[in-house]
PDB file of all heavy atoms in Angstrom:
ATOM      1  N   GLN A   1      -4.772  12.632  15.238  1.00  0.00           N
ATOM      2  CA  GLN A   1      -4.469  11.989  13.931  1.00  0.00           C
ATOM      3  C   GLN A   1      -3.015  12.268  13.551  1.00  0.00           C
ATOM      4  O   GLN A   1      -2.488  11.640  12.592  1.00  0.00           O
ATOM      5  CB  GLN A   1      -5.379  12.462  12.830  1.00  0.00           C
ATOM      6  CG  GLN A   1      -5.229  13.935  12.387  1.00  0.00           C
ATOM      7  CD  GLN A   1      -5.993  14.907  13.198  1.00  0.00           C
ATOM      8  OE1 GLN A   1      -6.257  14.709  14.361  1.00  0.00           O
ATOM      9  NE2 GLN A   1      -6.388  15.994  12.595  1.00  0.00           N
ATOM     10  N   PHE A   2      -2.341  13.177  14.261  1.00  0.00           N
ATOM     11  CA  PHE A   2      -0.925  13.454  13.978  1.00  0.00           C
ATOM     12  C   PHE A   2       0.009  12.697  14.941  1.00  0.00           C
ATOM     13  O   PHE A   2       1.234  12.883  14.876  1.00  0.00           O
ATOM     14  CB  PHE A   2      -0.673  14.963  14.080  1.00  0.00           C
ATOM     15  CG  PHE A   2      -1.446  15.783  13.072  1.00  0.00           C
ATOM     16  CD1 PHE A   2      -2.550  16.486  13.428  1.00  0.00           C
ATOM     17  CD2 PHE A   2      -1.044  15.756  11.720  1.00  0.00           C
ATOM     18  CE1 PHE A   2      -3.237  17.280  12.511  1.00  0.00           C
ATOM     19  CE2 PHE A   2      -1.791  16.528  10.789  1.00  0.00           C
ATOM     20  CZ  PHE A   2      -2.875  17.259  11.211  1.00  0.00           C
ATOM     21  N   ASP A   3      -0.556  11.882  15.801  1.00  0.00           N
ATOM     22  CA  ASP A   3       0.231  11.125  16.715  1.00  0.00           C
ATOM     23  C   ASP A   3       1.150  10.139  15.922  1.00  0.00           C
ATOM     24  O   ASP A   3       0.682   9.534  14.970  1.00  0.00           O
ATOM     25  CB  ASP A   3      -0.677  10.338  17.685  1.00  0.00           C
ATOM     26  CG  ASP A   3       0.112   9.578  18.745  1.00  0.00           C
ATOM     27  OD1 ASP A   3       0.533   8.460  18.425  1.00  0.00           O
ATOM     28  OD2 ASP A   3       0.281  10.140  19.832  1.00  0.00           O
ATOM     29  N   PRO A   4       2.418  10.041  16.306  1.00  0.00           N
ATOM     30  CA  PRO A   4       3.337   9.152  15.546  1.00  0.00           C
ATOM     31  C   PRO A   4       2.790   7.715  15.394  1.00  0.00           C
ATOM     32  O   PRO A   4       2.995   7.070  14.335  1.00  0.00           O
ATOM     33  CB  PRO A   4       4.619   9.213  16.354  1.00  0.00           C
ATOM     34  CG  PRO A   4       4.564  10.553  17.001  1.00  0.00           C
ATOM     35  CD  PRO A   4       3.119  10.786  17.342  1.00  0.00           C
ATOM     36  N   ALA A   5       2.130   7.203  16.416  1.00  0.00           N
ATOM     37  CA  ALA A   5       1.646   5.828  16.323  1.00  0.00           C
ATOM     38  C   ALA A   5       0.532   5.710  15.272  1.00  0.00           C
ATOM     39  O   ALA A   5       0.513   4.728  14.502  1.00  0.00           O
ATOM     40  CB  ALA A   5       1.066   5.405  17.702  1.00  0.00           C
ATOM     41  N   PHE A   6      -0.313   6.727  15.157  1.00  0.00           N
ATOM     42  CA  PHE A   6      -1.335   6.709  14.140  1.00  0.00           C
ATOM     43  C   PHE A   6      -0.738   6.917  12.746  1.00  0.00           C
ATOM     44  O   PHE A   6      -1.196   6.313  11.781  1.00  0.00           O
ATOM     45  CB  PHE A   6      -2.425   7.770  14.412  1.00  0.00           C
ATOM     46  CG  PHE A   6      -3.558   7.722  13.445  1.00  0.00           C
ATOM     47  CD1 PHE A   6      -4.494   6.707  13.486  1.00  0.00           C
ATOM     48  CD2 PHE A   6      -3.677   8.667  12.468  1.00  0.00           C
ATOM     49  CE1 PHE A   6      -5.536   6.618  12.591  1.00  0.00           C
ATOM     50  CE2 PHE A   6      -4.734   8.615  11.536  1.00  0.00           C
ATOM     51  CZ  PHE A   6      -5.657   7.586  11.594  1.00  0.00           C
ATOM     52  N   LEU A   7       0.284   7.746  12.642  1.00  0.00           N
ATOM     53  CA  LEU A   7       0.903   7.998  11.360  1.00  0.00           C
ATOM     54  C   LEU A   7       1.541   6.747  10.778  1.00  0.00           C
ATOM     55  O   LEU A   7       1.732   6.628   9.583  1.00  0.00           O
ATOM     56  CB  LEU A   7       1.956   9.150  11.478  1.00  0.00           C
ATOM     57  CG  LEU A   7       1.344  10.543  11.664  1.00  0.00           C
ATOM     58  CD1 LEU A   7       2.472  11.524  11.900  1.00  0.00           C
ATOM     59  CD2 LEU A   7       0.486  10.955  10.469  1.00  0.00           C
ATOM     60  N   LYS A   8       1.905   5.803  11.632  1.00  0.00           N
ATOM     61  CA  LYS A   8       2.421   4.542  11.147  1.00  0.00           C
ATOM     62  C   LYS A   8       1.333   3.747  10.411  1.00  0.00           C
ATOM     63  O   LYS A   8       1.640   2.939   9.530  1.00  0.00           O
ATOM     64  CB  LYS A   8       2.963   3.728  12.307  1.00  0.00           C
ATOM     65  CG  LYS A   8       4.259   4.275  12.865  1.00  0.00           C
ATOM     66  CD  LYS A   8       4.769   3.399  14.004  1.00  0.00           C
ATOM     67  CE  LYS A   8       6.080   3.981  14.603  1.00  0.00           C
ATOM     68  NZ  LYS A   8       6.562   3.153  15.730  1.00  0.00           N
ATOM     69  N   LEU A   9       0.073   3.976  10.777  1.00  0.00           N
ATOM     70  CA  LEU A   9      -1.030   3.333  10.102  1.00  0.00           C
ATOM     71  C   LEU A   9      -1.475   4.072   8.850  1.00  0.00           C
ATOM     72  O   LEU A   9      -1.859   3.461   7.874  1.00  0.00           O
ATOM     73  CB  LEU A   9      -2.231   3.225  11.058  1.00  0.00           C
ATOM     74  CG  LEU A   9      -1.980   2.464  12.384  1.00  0.00           C
ATOM     75  CD1 LEU A   9      -3.218   2.509  13.246  1.00  0.00           C
ATOM     76  CD2 LEU A   9      -1.667   0.985  12.071  1.00  0.00           C
ATOM     77  N   ASN A  10      -1.437   5.393   8.914  1.00  0.00           N
ATOM     78  CA  ASN A  10      -1.849   6.174   7.752  1.00  0.00           C
ATOM     79  C   ASN A  10      -1.042   7.440   7.684  1.00  0.00           C
ATOM     80  O   ASN A  10      -1.286   8.383   8.482  1.00  0.00           O
ATOM     81  CB  ASN A  10      -3.346   6.519   7.832  1.00  0.00           C
ATOM     82  CG  ASN A  10      -3.838   7.252   6.609  1.00  0.00           C
ATOM     83  OD1 ASN A  10      -3.111   7.410   5.618  1.00  0.00           O
ATOM     84  ND2 ASN A  10      -5.060   7.754   6.620  1.00  0.00           N
ATOM     85  N   SER A  11      -0.121   7.523   6.760  1.00  0.00           N
ATOM     86  CA  SER A  11       0.746   8.703   6.669  1.00  0.00           C
ATOM     87  C   SER A  11      -0.015   9.966   6.202  1.00  0.00           C
ATOM     88  O   SER A  11       0.492  11.057   6.300  1.00  0.00           O
ATOM     89  CB  SER A  11       1.919   8.413   5.700  1.00  0.00           C
ATOM     90  OG  SER A  11       1.393   8.052   4.413  1.00  0.00           O
ATOM     91  N   ASN A  12      -1.246   9.744   5.741  1.00  0.00           N
ATOM     92  CA  ASN A  12      -2.076  10.874   5.366  1.00  0.00           C
ATOM     93  C   ASN A  12      -2.869  11.442   6.547  1.00  0.00           C
ATOM     94  O   ASN A  12      -3.689  12.328   6.367  1.00  0.00           O
ATOM     95  CB  ASN A  12      -3.070  10.449   4.228  1.00  0.00           C
ATOM     96  CG  ASN A  12      -3.708  11.594   3.548  1.00  0.00           C
ATOM     97  OD1 ASN A  12      -3.142  12.692   3.429  1.00  0.00           O
ATOM     98  ND2 ASN A  12      -4.975  11.435   3.090  1.00  0.00           N
ATOM     99  N   HIS A  13      -2.617  10.939   7.694  1.00  0.00           N
ATOM    100  CA  HIS A  13      -3.239  11.358   8.973  1.00  0.00           C
ATOM    101  C   HIS A  13      -4.745  11.659   8.895  1.00  0.00           C
ATOM    102  O   HIS A  13      -5.226  12.667   9.312  1.00  0.00           O
ATOM    103  CB  HIS A  13      -2.474  12.546   9.600  1.00  0.00           C
ATOM    104  CG  HIS A  13      -2.296  13.728   8.701  1.00  0.00           C
ATOM    105  ND1 HIS A  13      -3.256  14.662   8.487  1.00  0.00           N
ATOM    106  CD2 HIS A  13      -1.180  14.164   8.037  1.00  0.00           C
ATOM    107  CE1 HIS A  13      -2.815  15.559   7.683  1.00  0.00           C
ATOM    108  NE2 HIS A  13      -1.568  15.297   7.370  1.00  0.00           N
ATOM    109  N   LYS A  14      -5.470  10.686   8.290  1.00  0.00           N
ATOM    110  CA  LYS A  14      -6.909  10.773   8.199  1.00  0.00           C
ATOM    111  C   LYS A  14      -7.545   9.506   8.757  1.00  0.00           C
ATOM    112  O   LYS A  14      -7.037   8.401   8.641  1.00  0.00           O
ATOM    113  CB  LYS A  14      -7.367  10.919   6.738  1.00  0.00           C
ATOM    114  CG  LYS A  14      -6.793  12.132   5.995  1.00  0.00           C
ATOM    115  CD  LYS A  14      -7.455  13.425   6.426  1.00  0.00           C
ATOM    116  CE  LYS A  14      -6.971  14.582   5.587  1.00  0.00           C
ATOM    117  NZ  LYS A  14      -7.602  15.865   6.011  1.00  0.00           N
ATOM    118  N   ILE A  15      -8.703   9.709   9.405  1.00  0.00           N
ATOM    119  CA  ILE A  15      -9.545   8.560   9.767  1.00  0.00           C
ATOM    120  C   ILE A  15     -10.558   8.377   8.666  1.00  0.00           C
ATOM    121  O   ILE A  15     -10.854   9.300   7.928  1.00  0.00           O
ATOM    122  CB  ILE A  15     -10.205   8.746  11.168  1.00  0.00           C
ATOM    123  CG1 ILE A  15     -11.152   9.968  11.168  1.00  0.00           C
ATOM    124  CG2 ILE A  15      -9.201   8.883  12.263  1.00  0.00           C
ATOM    125  CD1 ILE A  15     -12.550   9.684  10.925  1.00  0.00           C
ATOM    126  N   PRO A  16     -11.115   7.149   8.559  1.00  0.00           N
ATOM    127  CA  PRO A  16     -10.921   5.989   9.333  1.00  0.00           C
ATOM    128  C   PRO A  16      -9.765   5.111   8.806  1.00  0.00           C
ATOM    129  O   PRO A  16      -9.341   5.257   7.655  1.00  0.00           O
ATOM    130  CB  PRO A  16     -12.226   5.208   9.181  1.00  0.00           C
ATOM    131  CG  PRO A  16     -12.643   5.584   7.750  1.00  0.00           C
ATOM    132  CD  PRO A  16     -12.227   7.027   7.571  1.00  0.00           C
ATOM    133  N   VAL A  17      -9.282   4.220   9.662  1.00  0.00           N
ATOM    134  CA  VAL A  17      -8.322   3.213   9.307  1.00  0.00           C
ATOM    135  C   VAL A  17      -8.798   1.928   9.972  1.00  0.00           C
ATOM    136  O   VAL A  17      -9.319   1.938  11.102  1.00  0.00           O
ATOM    137  CB  VAL A  17      -6.917   3.548   9.822  1.00  0.00           C
ATOM    138  CG1 VAL A  17      -5.962   2.392   9.566  1.00  0.00           C
ATOM    139  CG2 VAL A  17      -6.384   4.814   9.143  1.00  0.00           C
ATOM    140  N   ILE A  18      -8.638   0.798   9.231  1.00  0.00           N
ATOM    141  CA  ILE A  18      -8.908  -0.504   9.893  1.00  0.00           C
ATOM    142  C   ILE A  18      -7.625  -1.323   9.910  1.00  0.00           C
ATOM    143  O   ILE A  18      -6.756  -1.223   9.058  1.00  0.00           O
ATOM    144  CB  ILE A  18     -10.044  -1.289   9.195  1.00  0.00           C
ATOM    145  CG1 ILE A  18      -9.657  -1.648   7.757  1.00  0.00           C
ATOM    146  CG2 ILE A  18     -11.343  -0.561   9.288  1.00  0.00           C
ATOM    147  CD1 ILE A  18     -10.574  -2.712   7.116  1.00  0.00           C
ATOM    148  N   GLU A  19      -7.549  -2.172  10.943  1.00  0.00           N
ATOM    149  CA  GLU A  19      -6.551  -3.237  11.043  1.00  0.00           C
ATOM    150  C   GLU A  19      -7.346  -4.526  11.121  1.00  0.00           C
ATOM    151  O   GLU A  19      -8.227  -4.681  11.984  1.00  0.00           O
ATOM    152  CB  GLU A  19      -5.700  -3.082  12.264  1.00  0.00           C
ATOM    153  CG  GLU A  19      -4.855  -1.819  12.304  1.00  0.00           C
ATOM    154  CD  GLU A  19      -4.022  -1.758  13.579  1.00  0.00           C
ATOM    155  OE1 GLU A  19      -2.897  -2.301  13.571  1.00  0.00           O
ATOM    156  OE2 GLU A  19      -4.500  -1.183  14.565  1.00  0.00           O
ATOM    157  N   ASP A  20      -7.041  -5.500  10.247  1.00  0.00           N
ATOM    158  CA  ASP A  20      -7.730  -6.715  10.203  1.00  0.00           C
ATOM    159  C   ASP A  20      -6.750  -7.888  10.330  1.00  0.00           C
ATOM    160  O   ASP A  20      -5.916  -8.106   9.451  1.00  0.00           O
ATOM    161  CB  ASP A  20      -8.486  -6.865   8.857  1.00  0.00           C
ATOM    162  CG  ASP A  20      -9.376  -8.110   8.796  1.00  0.00           C
ATOM    163  OD1 ASP A  20      -9.369  -8.894   9.781  1.00  0.00           O
ATOM    164  OD2 ASP A  20     -10.125  -8.250   7.824  1.00  0.00           O
ATOM    165  N   ASP A  21      -6.852  -8.609  11.462  1.00  0.00           N
ATOM    166  CA  ASP A  21      -5.864  -9.692  11.672  1.00  0.00           C
ATOM    167  C   ASP A  21      -6.153 -10.903  10.829  1.00  0.00           C
ATOM    168  O   ASP A  21      -5.409 -11.848  10.835  1.00  0.00           O
ATOM    169  CB  ASP A  21      -5.785 -10.028  13.158  1.00  0.00           C
ATOM    170  CG  ASP A  21      -7.110 -10.525  13.733  1.00  0.00           C
ATOM    171  OD1 ASP A  21      -8.046 -10.816  12.974  1.00  0.00           O
ATOM    172  OD2 ASP A  21      -7.200 -10.582  14.988  1.00  0.00           O
ATOM    173  N   GLN A  22      -7.298 -10.874  10.058  1.00  0.00           N
ATOM    174  CA  GLN A  22      -7.548 -11.966   9.116  1.00  0.00           C
ATOM    175  C   GLN A  22      -7.494 -11.488   7.675  1.00  0.00           C
ATOM    176  O   GLN A  22      -7.973 -12.158   6.752  1.00  0.00           O
ATOM    177  CB  GLN A  22      -8.931 -12.582   9.424  1.00  0.00           C
ATOM    178  CG  GLN A  22      -9.029 -13.229  10.814  1.00  0.00           C
ATOM    179  CD  GLN A  22     -10.367 -13.839  11.054  1.00  0.00           C
ATOM    180  OE1 GLN A  22     -11.094 -14.199  10.116  1.00  0.00           O
ATOM    181  NE2 GLN A  22     -10.689 -14.060  12.307  1.00  0.00           N
ATOM    182  N   GLY A  23      -6.987 -10.299   7.467  1.00  0.00           N
ATOM    183  CA  GLY A  23      -6.903  -9.715   6.137  1.00  0.00           C
ATOM    184  C   GLY A  23      -5.788 -10.302   5.319  1.00  0.00           C
ATOM    185  O   GLY A  23      -4.945 -11.078   5.810  1.00  0.00           O
ATOM    186  N   PRO A  24      -5.700  -9.945   4.047  1.00  0.00           N
ATOM    187  CA  PRO A  24      -4.653 -10.495   3.132  1.00  0.00           C
ATOM    188  C   PRO A  24      -3.283 -10.134   3.628  1.00  0.00           C
ATOM    189  O   PRO A  24      -2.979  -8.955   3.952  1.00  0.00           O
ATOM    190  CB  PRO A  24      -5.000  -9.815   1.788  1.00  0.00           C
ATOM    191  CG  PRO A  24      -5.850  -8.656   2.118  1.00  0.00           C
ATOM    192  CD  PRO A  24      -6.579  -8.971   3.309  1.00  0.00           C
ATOM    193  N   GLY A  25      -2.438 -11.125   3.715  1.00  0.00           N
ATOM    194  CA  GLY A  25      -1.064 -10.886   4.127  1.00  0.00           C
ATOM    195  C   GLY A  25      -0.860 -10.671   5.607  1.00  0.00           C
ATOM    196  O   GLY A  25       0.269 -10.453   6.070  1.00  0.00           O
ATOM    197  N   ALA A  26      -1.922 -10.802   6.379  1.00  0.00           N
ATOM    198  CA  ALA A  26      -1.808 -10.534   7.821  1.00  0.00           C
ATOM    199  C   ALA A  26      -1.008 -11.640   8.502  1.00  0.00           C
ATOM    200  O   ALA A  26      -1.048 -12.801   8.111  1.00  0.00           O
ATOM    201  CB  ALA A  26      -3.174 -10.459   8.457  1.00  0.00           C
ATOM    202  N   THR A  27      -0.210 -11.231   9.504  1.00  0.00           N
ATOM    203  CA  THR A  27       0.536 -12.175  10.299  1.00  0.00           C
ATOM    204  C   THR A  27       0.198 -11.894  11.747  1.00  0.00           C
ATOM    205  O   THR A  27      -0.519 -10.985  12.116  1.00  0.00           O
ATOM    206  CB  THR A  27       2.058 -11.988  10.103  1.00  0.00           C
ATOM    207  OG1 THR A  27       2.451 -10.692  10.616  1.00  0.00           O
ATOM    208  CG2 THR A  27       2.430 -12.073   8.617  1.00  0.00           C
ATOM    209  N   VAL A  28       0.725 -12.753  12.624  1.00  0.00           N
ATOM    210  CA  VAL A  28       0.501 -12.551  14.035  1.00  0.00           C
ATOM    211  C   VAL A  28       1.040 -11.194  14.493  1.00  0.00           C
ATOM    212  O   VAL A  28       0.419 -10.508  15.321  1.00  0.00           O
ATOM    213  CB  VAL A  28       1.168 -13.687  14.857  1.00  0.00           C
ATOM    214  CG1 VAL A  28       1.050 -13.387  16.379  1.00  0.00           C
ATOM    215  CG2 VAL A  28       0.536 -15.038  14.503  1.00  0.00           C
ATOM    216  N   GLU A  29       2.121 -10.801  13.938  1.00  0.00           N
ATOM    217  CA  GLU A  29       2.794  -9.560  14.334  1.00  0.00           C
ATOM    218  C   GLU A  29       2.217  -8.329  13.606  1.00  0.00           C
ATOM    219  O   GLU A  29       2.237  -7.241  14.115  1.00  0.00           O
ATOM    220  CB  GLU A  29       4.296  -9.621  14.032  1.00  0.00           C
ATOM    221  CG  GLU A  29       5.057 -10.614  14.865  1.00  0.00           C
ATOM    222  CD  GLU A  29       4.961 -12.039  14.324  1.00  0.00           C
ATOM    223  OE1 GLU A  29       4.546 -12.174  13.131  1.00  0.00           O
ATOM    224  OE2 GLU A  29       5.226 -13.018  15.056  1.00  0.00           O
ATOM    225  N   GLN A  30       1.704  -8.542  12.378  1.00  0.00           N
ATOM    226  CA  GLN A  30       1.297  -7.421  11.565  1.00  0.00           C
ATOM    227  C   GLN A  30      -0.053  -7.672  10.884  1.00  0.00           C
ATOM    228  O   GLN A  30      -0.138  -8.462   9.950  1.00  0.00           O
ATOM    229  CB  GLN A  30       2.352  -7.151  10.477  1.00  0.00           C
ATOM    230  CG  GLN A  30       2.000  -5.947   9.576  1.00  0.00           C
ATOM    231  CD  GLN A  30       1.875  -4.662  10.342  1.00  0.00           C
ATOM    232  OE1 GLN A  30       2.769  -4.237  11.038  1.00  0.00           O
ATOM    233  NE2 GLN A  30       0.738  -4.035  10.182  1.00  0.00           N
ATOM    234  N   PRO A  31      -1.109  -7.037  11.334  1.00  0.00           N
ATOM    235  CA  PRO A  31      -2.395  -7.178  10.648  1.00  0.00           C
ATOM    236  C   PRO A  31      -2.429  -6.427   9.350  1.00  0.00           C
ATOM    237  O   PRO A  31      -1.544  -5.611   9.048  1.00  0.00           O
ATOM    238  CB  PRO A  31      -3.367  -6.570  11.682  1.00  0.00           C
ATOM    239  CG  PRO A  31      -2.570  -5.545  12.412  1.00  0.00           C
ATOM    240  CD  PRO A  31      -1.186  -6.163  12.531  1.00  0.00           C
ATOM    241  N   PHE A  32      -3.443  -6.726   8.569  1.00  0.00           N
ATOM    242  CA  PHE A  32      -3.668  -6.007   7.294  1.00  0.00           C
ATOM    243  C   PHE A  32      -4.223  -4.616   7.670  1.00  0.00           C
ATOM    244  O   PHE A  32      -5.147  -4.487   8.475  1.00  0.00           O
ATOM    245  CB  PHE A  32      -4.681  -6.736   6.463  1.00  0.00           C
ATOM    246  CG  PHE A  32      -5.169  -6.031   5.238  1.00  0.00           C
ATOM    247  CD1 PHE A  32      -4.299  -5.786   4.193  1.00  0.00           C
ATOM    248  CD2 PHE A  32      -6.478  -5.611   5.146  1.00  0.00           C
ATOM    249  CE1 PHE A  32      -4.748  -5.128   3.038  1.00  0.00           C
ATOM    250  CE2 PHE A  32      -6.913  -4.937   4.031  1.00  0.00           C
ATOM    251  CZ  PHE A  32      -6.069  -4.711   2.962  1.00  0.00           C
ATOM    252  N   VAL A  33      -3.627  -3.567   7.132  1.00  0.00           N
ATOM    253  CA  VAL A  33      -4.009  -2.173   7.427  1.00  0.00           C
ATOM    254  C   VAL A  33      -4.545  -1.510   6.165  1.00  0.00           C
ATOM    255  O   VAL A  33      -3.962  -1.654   5.097  1.00  0.00           O
ATOM    256  CB  VAL A  33      -2.804  -1.376   7.999  1.00  0.00           C
ATOM    257  CG1 VAL A  33      -3.210   0.082   8.216  1.00  0.00           C
ATOM    258  CG2 VAL A  33      -2.295  -2.031   9.238  1.00  0.00           C
ATOM    259  N   LEU A  34      -5.677  -0.821   6.295  1.00  0.00           N
ATOM    260  CA  LEU A  34      -6.269  -0.185   5.145  1.00  0.00           C
ATOM    261  C   LEU A  34      -6.869   1.168   5.591  1.00  0.00           C
ATOM    262  O   LEU A  34      -7.574   1.230   6.604  1.00  0.00           O
ATOM    263  CB  LEU A  34      -7.334  -1.021   4.507  1.00  0.00           C
ATOM    264  CG  LEU A  34      -7.919  -0.597   3.172  1.00  0.00           C
ATOM    265  CD1 LEU A  34      -6.849  -0.575   2.072  1.00  0.00           C
ATOM    266  CD2 LEU A  34      -9.082  -1.478   2.779  1.00  0.00           C
ATOM    267  N   SER A  35      -6.628   2.244   4.802  1.00  0.00           N
ATOM    268  CA  SER A  35      -7.252   3.523   5.018  1.00  0.00           C
ATOM    269  C   SER A  35      -8.074   3.934   3.814  1.00  0.00           C
ATOM    270  O   SER A  35      -8.198   3.136   2.889  1.00  0.00           O
ATOM    271  CB  SER A  35      -6.147   4.590   5.275  1.00  0.00           C
ATOM    272  OG  SER A  35      -5.294   4.695   4.187  1.00  0.00           O
ATOM    273  N   GLU A  36      -8.652   5.069   3.848  1.00  0.00           N
ATOM    274  CA  GLU A  36      -9.570   5.627   2.858  1.00  0.00           C
ATOM    275  C   GLU A  36     -10.908   4.888   2.966  1.00  0.00           C
ATOM    276  O   GLU A  36     -11.046   3.693   2.668  1.00  0.00           O
ATOM    277  CB  GLU A  36      -9.044   5.532   1.436  1.00  0.00           C
ATOM    278  CG  GLU A  36      -7.809   6.411   1.193  1.00  0.00           C
ATOM    279  CD  GLU A  36      -8.100   7.912   1.338  1.00  0.00           C
ATOM    280  OE1 GLU A  36      -9.261   8.345   1.056  1.00  0.00           O
ATOM    281  OE2 GLU A  36      -7.180   8.650   1.782  1.00  0.00           O
TER     282      GLU A  36
END
């Protein structure tokens, strides 16, 4: 959870995290990311 790639998703270094490519504001390059 302290891996730099994971910290880009959640700076609080906690699971779970989801990435949703159909979420609000999602683009081809950047999915919607949500933690907690």
